[in-house]
Amino acid sequence: MTRTPIEFVAGDISALAKSLRAQLLERTSPPGHVELLNILARATGHRNYQHFRARAVGTAVDDRGTPAPQVDAVDLKRVQRAARHFDDHGRLLRWPARQSLQQLSLWVLWAGFPPRCSLAEAQVKTLLSRQHAFADDALLRRALCDHGLVSRTADGRAYRRIERRPPTEAAALLRHLKASASGRPEAAT
């Protein structure tokens, strides 16, 4: 794996030396490689080496110095195409023909399941019947399980939502449908 060189600059060499000395005196043994990187980064005012590195390469970091996750681009046209399969109340009107739109639609149904809760098949049927209008809850139950959004026991008696973070497009669709249901005009971003 190739390493990208990162420029190390200290505005005040005297302050750098004092900080290094203080941090090294607190230790009972010599620091390892990563510990030394953290010590050097803290001596220049960073939280740790990750924070230093992220700032050096221009990556956003959170308050602990951890690089922020990259945000995927949202295909707004795909979100809008998926939204056309739902009514003003967020109910699925018809099963989309395209698999990519089916997957987005399943995330909306997944969001309707209570988290960390086991449901009987009759409860799932009732829950799904409130979320769609084309009377094929077996298709939806099967698709939710096949796509890894809901798990079911081998005998099919108990269903449970699998806790996952929705992809960015699914999250955008959920926001769009929520805004439509509340009557607020909002883009599908």
C-alpha atoms as a PDB file:
ATOM      1  CA  MET A   1       0.000   0.000   0.000  1.00  0.00           C
ATOM      2  CA  THR A   2       1.479   3.341  -0.993  1.00  0.00           C
ATOM      3  CA  ARG A   3       1.582   6.144   1.517  1.00  0.00           C
ATOM      4  CA  THR A   4       0.693   9.698   0.718  1.00  0.00           C
ATOM      5  CA  PRO A   5       3.242  12.057   2.253  1.00  0.00           C
ATOM      6  CA  ILE A   6       1.690  14.630   4.557  1.00  0.00           C
ATOM      7  CA  GLU A   7       3.491  17.868   5.268  1.00  0.00           C
ATOM      8  CA  PHE A   8       4.189  18.460   8.959  1.00  0.00           C
ATOM      9  CA  VAL A   9       4.475  22.143   9.893  1.00  0.00           C
ATOM     10  CA  ALA A  10       4.820  23.617  13.359  1.00  0.00           C
ATOM     11  CA  GLY A  11       4.136  27.330  13.681  1.00  0.00           C
ATOM     12  CA  ASP A  12       6.314  27.659  16.795  1.00  0.00           C
ATOM     13  CA  ILE A  13       9.185  25.219  17.285  1.00  0.00           C
ATOM     14  CA  SER A  14       9.517  26.187  20.943  1.00  0.00           C
ATOM     15  CA  ALA A  15       5.856  25.351  21.663  1.00  0.00           C
ATOM     16  CA  LEU A  16       6.290  22.100  19.726  1.00  0.00           C
ATOM     17  CA  ALA A  17       9.315  21.127  21.841  1.00  0.00           C
ATOM     18  CA  LYS A  18       7.514  21.960  25.118  1.00  0.00           C
ATOM     19  CA  SER A  19       4.455  19.935  24.128  1.00  0.00           C
ATOM     20  CA  LEU A  20       6.539  16.956  23.017  1.00  0.00           C
ATOM     21  CA  ARG A  21       8.586  17.036  26.230  1.00  0.00           C
ATOM     22  CA  ALA A  22       5.453  17.193  28.427  1.00  0.00           C
ATOM     23  CA  GLN A  23       3.744  14.318  26.592  1.00  0.00           C
ATOM     24  CA  LEU A  24       6.876  12.136  26.647  1.00  0.00           C
ATOM     25  CA  LEU A  25       7.450  12.763  30.371  1.00  0.00           C
ATOM     26  CA  GLU A  26       3.928  11.441  31.104  1.00  0.00           C
ATOM     27  CA  ARG A  27       4.890   8.075  29.624  1.00  0.00           C
ATOM     28  CA  THR A  28       6.613   5.200  31.413  1.00  0.00           C
ATOM     29  CA  SER A  29       7.923   3.586  28.200  1.00  0.00           C
ATOM     30  CA  PRO A  30       8.921   4.790  24.744  1.00  0.00           C
ATOM     31  CA  PRO A  31       5.938   5.327  22.424  1.00  0.00           C
ATOM     32  CA  GLY A  32       5.181   3.063  19.503  1.00  0.00           C
ATOM     33  CA  HIS A  33       4.863   4.321  15.940  1.00  0.00           C
ATOM     34  CA  VAL A  34       1.161   5.216  16.081  1.00  0.00           C
ATOM     35  CA  GLU A  35       1.496   6.682  19.578  1.00  0.00           C
ATOM     36  CA  LEU A  36       4.339   8.889  18.347  1.00  0.00           C
ATOM     37  CA  LEU A  37       2.195  10.054  15.420  1.00  0.00           C
ATOM     38  CA  ASN A  38      -0.566  10.985  17.889  1.00  0.00           C
ATOM     39  CA  ILE A  39       1.914  12.835  20.122  1.00  0.00           C
ATOM     40  CA  LEU A  40       3.261  14.837  17.164  1.00  0.00           C
ATOM     41  CA  ALA A  41      -0.256  15.639  15.965  1.00  0.00           C
ATOM     42  CA  ARG A  42      -1.347  16.811  19.445  1.00  0.00           C
ATOM     43  CA  ALA A  43       1.801  18.962  19.692  1.00  0.00           C
ATOM     44  CA  THR A  44       0.583  20.943  16.672  1.00  0.00           C
ATOM     45  CA  GLY A  45      -2.919  21.446  18.074  1.00  0.00           C
ATOM     46  CA  HIS A  46      -4.770  18.469  16.546  1.00  0.00           C
ATOM     47  CA  ARG A  47      -6.806  15.952  18.524  1.00  0.00           C
ATOM     48  CA  ASN A  48      -4.884  12.937  17.173  1.00  0.00           C
ATOM     49  CA  TYR A  49      -3.141  11.726  14.031  1.00  0.00           C
ATOM     50  CA  GLN A  50      -6.413  10.942  12.237  1.00  0.00           C
ATOM     51  CA  HIS A  51      -7.580  14.504  12.816  1.00  0.00           C
ATOM     52  CA  PHE A  52      -4.223  15.851  11.593  1.00  0.00           C
ATOM     53  CA  ARG A  53      -4.288  13.643   8.492  1.00  0.00           C
ATOM     54  CA  ALA A  54      -7.913  14.462   7.654  1.00  0.00           C
ATOM     55  CA  ARG A  55      -7.255  18.177   7.908  1.00  0.00           C
ATOM     56  CA  ALA A  56      -4.115  17.839   5.774  1.00  0.00           C
ATOM     57  CA  VAL A  57      -5.948  16.089   2.930  1.00  0.00           C
ATOM     58  CA  GLY A  58      -9.068  18.252   3.249  1.00  0.00           C
ATOM     59  CA  THR A  59     -11.456  15.632   4.623  1.00  0.00           C
ATOM     60  CA  ALA A  60     -14.216  16.731   6.994  1.00  0.00           C
ATOM     61  CA  VAL A  61     -13.766  15.457  10.564  1.00  0.00           C
ATOM     62  CA  ASP A  62     -16.088  15.227  13.558  1.00  0.00           C
ATOM     63  CA  ASP A  63     -15.375  16.566  17.046  1.00  0.00           C
ATOM     64  CA  ARG A  64     -13.359  13.435  17.996  1.00  0.00           C
ATOM     65  CA  GLY A  65     -11.093  13.729  14.957  1.00  0.00           C
ATOM     66  CA  THR A  66     -12.725  10.857  13.099  1.00  0.00           C
ATOM     67  CA  PRO A  67     -13.134  11.456   9.359  1.00  0.00           C
ATOM     68  CA  ALA A  68     -16.776  12.069   8.466  1.00  0.00           C
ATOM     69  CA  PRO A  69     -18.356   9.441   6.212  1.00  0.00           C
ATOM     70  CA  GLN A  70     -18.523  10.259   2.538  1.00  0.00           C
ATOM     71  CA  VAL A  71     -22.013  11.101   1.310  1.00  0.00           C
ATOM     72  CA  ASP A  72     -23.152   9.225  -1.776  1.00  0.00           C
ATOM     73  CA  ALA A  73     -24.728  11.170  -4.586  1.00  0.00           C
ATOM     74  CA  VAL A  74     -28.491  10.835  -4.882  1.00  0.00           C
ATOM     75  CA  ASP A  75     -30.097  10.086  -8.236  1.00  0.00           C
ATOM     76  CA  LEU A  76     -33.077  12.437  -7.917  1.00  0.00           C
ATOM     77  CA  LYS A  77     -34.742  11.123 -11.074  1.00  0.00           C
ATOM     78  CA  ARG A  78     -34.718   7.592  -9.678  1.00  0.00           C
ATOM     79  CA  VAL A  79     -36.128   8.816  -6.367  1.00  0.00           C
ATOM     80  CA  GLN A  80     -38.902  10.685  -8.199  1.00  0.00           C
ATOM     81  CA  ARG A  81     -39.667   7.635 -10.368  1.00  0.00           C
ATOM     82  CA  ALA A  82     -39.983   5.520  -7.227  1.00  0.00           C
ATOM     83  CA  ALA A  83     -42.153   8.170  -5.552  1.00  0.00           C
ATOM     84  CA  ARG A  84     -44.685   7.890  -8.407  1.00  0.00           C
ATOM     85  CA  HIS A  85     -45.534   4.411  -7.137  1.00  0.00           C
ATOM     86  CA  PHE A  86     -46.803   5.878  -3.850  1.00  0.00           C
ATOM     87  CA  ASP A  87     -49.925   7.895  -3.053  1.00  0.00           C
ATOM     88  CA  ASP A  88     -50.058  11.144  -1.067  1.00  0.00           C
ATOM     89  CA  HIS A  89     -50.142   9.180   2.193  1.00  0.00           C
ATOM     90  CA  GLY A  90     -47.006   7.134   1.412  1.00  0.00           C
ATOM     91  CA  ARG A  91     -48.880   3.947   0.478  1.00  0.00           C
ATOM     92  CA  LEU A  92     -47.415   1.785  -2.289  1.00  0.00           C
ATOM     93  CA  LEU A  93     -49.967   1.813  -5.122  1.00  0.00           C
ATOM     94  CA  ARG A  94     -48.360  -0.743  -7.442  1.00  0.00           C
ATOM     95  CA  TRP A  95     -45.310  -2.984  -7.489  1.00  0.00           C
ATOM     96  CA  PRO A  96     -42.639  -1.349  -9.675  1.00  0.00           C
ATOM     97  CA  ALA A  97     -41.481  -3.319 -12.714  1.00  0.00           C
ATOM     98  CA  ARG A  98     -37.845  -2.244 -12.347  1.00  0.00           C
ATOM     99  CA  GLN A  99     -35.826  -3.996  -9.672  1.00  0.00           C
ATOM    100  CA  SER A 100     -33.995  -0.801  -8.651  1.00  0.00           C
ATOM    101  CA  LEU A 101     -37.348   0.869  -7.925  1.00  0.00           C
ATOM    102  CA  GLN A 102     -38.569  -2.246  -6.119  1.00  0.00           C
ATOM    103  CA  GLN A 103     -35.559  -2.037  -3.783  1.00  0.00           C
ATOM    104  CA  LEU A 104     -36.252   1.624  -3.008  1.00  0.00           C
ATOM    105  CA  SER A 105     -39.906   0.838  -2.381  1.00  0.00           C
ATOM    106  CA  LEU A 106     -38.980  -1.949   0.013  1.00  0.00           C
ATOM    107  CA  TRP A 107     -37.056   0.531   2.171  1.00  0.00           C
ATOM    108  CA  VAL A 108     -40.268   2.505   2.631  1.00  0.00           C
ATOM    109  CA  LEU A 109     -42.048  -0.650   3.801  1.00  0.00           C
ATOM    110  CA  TRP A 110     -39.043  -1.533   6.012  1.00  0.00           C
ATOM    111  CA  ALA A 111     -39.315   1.884   7.696  1.00  0.00           C
ATOM    112  CA  GLY A 112     -42.900   1.021   8.677  1.00  0.00           C
ATOM    113  CA  PHE A 113     -41.780  -2.001  10.723  1.00  0.00           C
ATOM    114  CA  PRO A 114     -41.193  -1.344  14.423  1.00  0.00           C
ATOM    115  CA  PRO A 115     -37.485  -1.601  15.290  1.00  0.00           C
ATOM    116  CA  ARG A 116     -36.187  -4.416  17.514  1.00  0.00           C
ATOM    117  CA  CYS A 117     -39.595  -6.059  17.709  1.00  0.00           C
ATOM    118  CA  SER A 118     -40.745  -9.530  16.671  1.00  0.00           C
ATOM    119  CA  LEU A 119     -44.048  -9.693  14.794  1.00  0.00           C
ATOM    120  CA  ALA A 120     -46.326 -12.620  14.029  1.00  0.00           C
ATOM    121  CA  GLU A 121     -47.264 -13.250  10.403  1.00  0.00           C
ATOM    122  CA  ALA A 122     -50.780 -11.859  10.981  1.00  0.00           C
ATOM    123  CA  GLN A 123     -49.294  -8.653  12.421  1.00  0.00           C
ATOM    124  CA  VAL A 124     -46.980  -8.310   9.411  1.00  0.00           C
ATOM    125  CA  LYS A 125     -49.934  -8.827   7.071  1.00  0.00           C
ATOM    126  CA  THR A 126     -51.878  -6.080   8.874  1.00  0.00           C
ATOM    127  CA  LEU A 127     -48.876  -3.758   8.888  1.00  0.00           C
ATOM    128  CA  LEU A 128     -48.225  -4.243   5.175  1.00  0.00           C
ATOM    129  CA  SER A 129     -51.903  -3.908   4.241  1.00  0.00           C
ATOM    130  CA  ARG A 130     -51.789  -0.360   5.678  1.00  0.00           C
ATOM    131  CA  GLN A 131     -48.702   0.396   3.573  1.00  0.00           C
ATOM    132  CA  HIS A 132     -49.801  -0.827   0.144  1.00  0.00           C
ATOM    133  CA  ALA A 133     -52.907  -0.822  -2.034  1.00  0.00           C
ATOM    134  CA  PHE A 134     -52.502  -3.749  -4.434  1.00  0.00           C
ATOM    135  CA  ALA A 135     -53.367  -6.675  -2.116  1.00  0.00           C
ATOM    136  CA  ASP A 136     -50.298  -8.856  -2.424  1.00  0.00           C
ATOM    137  CA  ASP A 137     -48.694  -8.840   0.993  1.00  0.00           C
ATOM    138  CA  ALA A 138     -47.102 -12.268   0.379  1.00  0.00           C
ATOM    139  CA  LEU A 139     -45.048 -10.771  -2.460  1.00  0.00           C
ATOM    140  CA  LEU A 140     -43.935  -7.924  -0.188  1.00  0.00           C
ATOM    141  CA  ARG A 141     -43.078 -10.211   2.749  1.00  0.00           C
ATOM    142  CA  ARG A 142     -41.017 -12.432   0.464  1.00  0.00           C
ATOM    143  CA  ALA A 143     -39.248  -9.459  -1.161  1.00  0.00           C
ATOM    144  CA  LEU A 144     -38.436  -7.875   2.222  1.00  0.00           C
ATOM    145  CA  CYS A 145     -36.859 -11.145   3.370  1.00  0.00           C
ATOM    146  CA  ASP A 146     -35.062 -11.801   0.067  1.00  0.00           C
ATOM    147  CA  HIS A 147     -33.480  -8.325   0.134  1.00  0.00           C
ATOM    148  CA  GLY A 148     -32.273  -8.764   3.712  1.00  0.00           C
ATOM    149  CA  LEU A 149     -34.497  -6.076   5.225  1.00  0.00           C
ATOM    150  CA  VAL A 150     -36.643  -8.401   7.327  1.00  0.00           C
ATOM    151  CA  SER A 151     -35.801 -11.798   8.802  1.00  0.00           C
ATOM    152  CA  ARG A 152     -38.256 -14.564   9.497  1.00  0.00           C
ATOM    153  CA  THR A 153     -38.057 -17.807  11.418  1.00  0.00           C
ATOM    154  CA  ALA A 154     -37.812 -21.066   9.482  1.00  0.00           C
ATOM    155  CA  ASP A 155     -41.485 -21.810  10.142  1.00  0.00           C
ATOM    156  CA  GLY A 156     -42.504 -18.307   8.980  1.00  0.00           C
ATOM    157  CA  ARG A 157     -44.283 -17.453  12.220  1.00  0.00           C
ATOM    158  CA  ALA A 158     -42.128 -14.545  13.411  1.00  0.00           C
ATOM    159  CA  TYR A 159     -40.744 -11.609  11.453  1.00  0.00           C
ATOM    160  CA  ARG A 160     -38.218  -9.024  12.580  1.00  0.00           C
ATOM    161  CA  ARG A 161     -36.861  -5.899  10.918  1.00  0.00           C
ATOM    162  CA  ILE A 162     -33.105  -6.094  10.320  1.00  0.00           C
ATOM    163  CA  GLU A 163     -31.562  -2.876  11.602  1.00  0.00           C
ATOM    164  CA  ARG A 164     -29.565  -1.218   8.840  1.00  0.00           C
ATOM    165  CA  ARG A 165     -28.940   2.288   7.623  1.00  0.00           C
ATOM    166  CA  PRO A 166     -30.939   2.967   4.453  1.00  0.00           C
ATOM    167  CA  PRO A 167     -28.889   3.891   1.374  1.00  0.00           C
ATOM    168  CA  THR A 168     -28.867   7.601   0.523  1.00  0.00           C
ATOM    169  CA  GLU A 169     -31.474   7.249  -2.239  1.00  0.00           C
ATOM    170  CA  ALA A 170     -33.802   5.297   0.045  1.00  0.00           C
ATOM    171  CA  ALA A 171     -33.386   7.944   2.749  1.00  0.00           C
ATOM    172  CA  ALA A 172     -34.149  10.634   0.152  1.00  0.00           C
ATOM    173  CA  LEU A 173     -37.301   8.748  -0.905  1.00  0.00           C
ATOM    174  CA  LEU A 174     -38.416   8.429   2.726  1.00  0.00           C
ATOM    175  CA  ARG A 175     -37.924  12.182   3.265  1.00  0.00           C
ATOM    176  CA  HIS A 176     -39.771  12.978   0.033  1.00  0.00           C
ATOM    177  CA  LEU A 177     -42.752  10.796   0.947  1.00  0.00           C
ATOM    178  CA  LYS A 178     -42.858  12.206   4.469  1.00  0.00           C
ATOM    179  CA  ALA A 179     -42.854  15.757   3.105  1.00  0.00           C
ATOM    180  CA  SER A 180     -45.603  14.845   0.594  1.00  0.00           C
ATOM    181  CA  ALA A 181     -47.742  13.316   3.347  1.00  0.00           C
ATOM    182  CA  SER A 182     -47.389  16.422   5.488  1.00  0.00           C
ATOM    183  CA  GLY A 183     -48.386  18.630   2.563  1.00  0.00           C
ATOM    184  CA  ARG A 184     -45.071  20.483   2.410  1.00  0.00           C
ATOM    185  CA  PRO A 185     -43.623  20.980  -1.057  1.00  0.00           C
ATOM    186  CA  GLU A 186     -40.083  19.610  -0.870  1.00  0.00           C
ATOM    187  CA  ALA A 187     -37.583  18.339  -3.379  1.00  0.00           C
ATOM    188  CA  ALA A 188     -36.538  14.714  -3.152  1.00  0.00           C
ATOM    189  CA  THR A 189     -33.106  15.514  -1.785  1.00  0.00           C
END
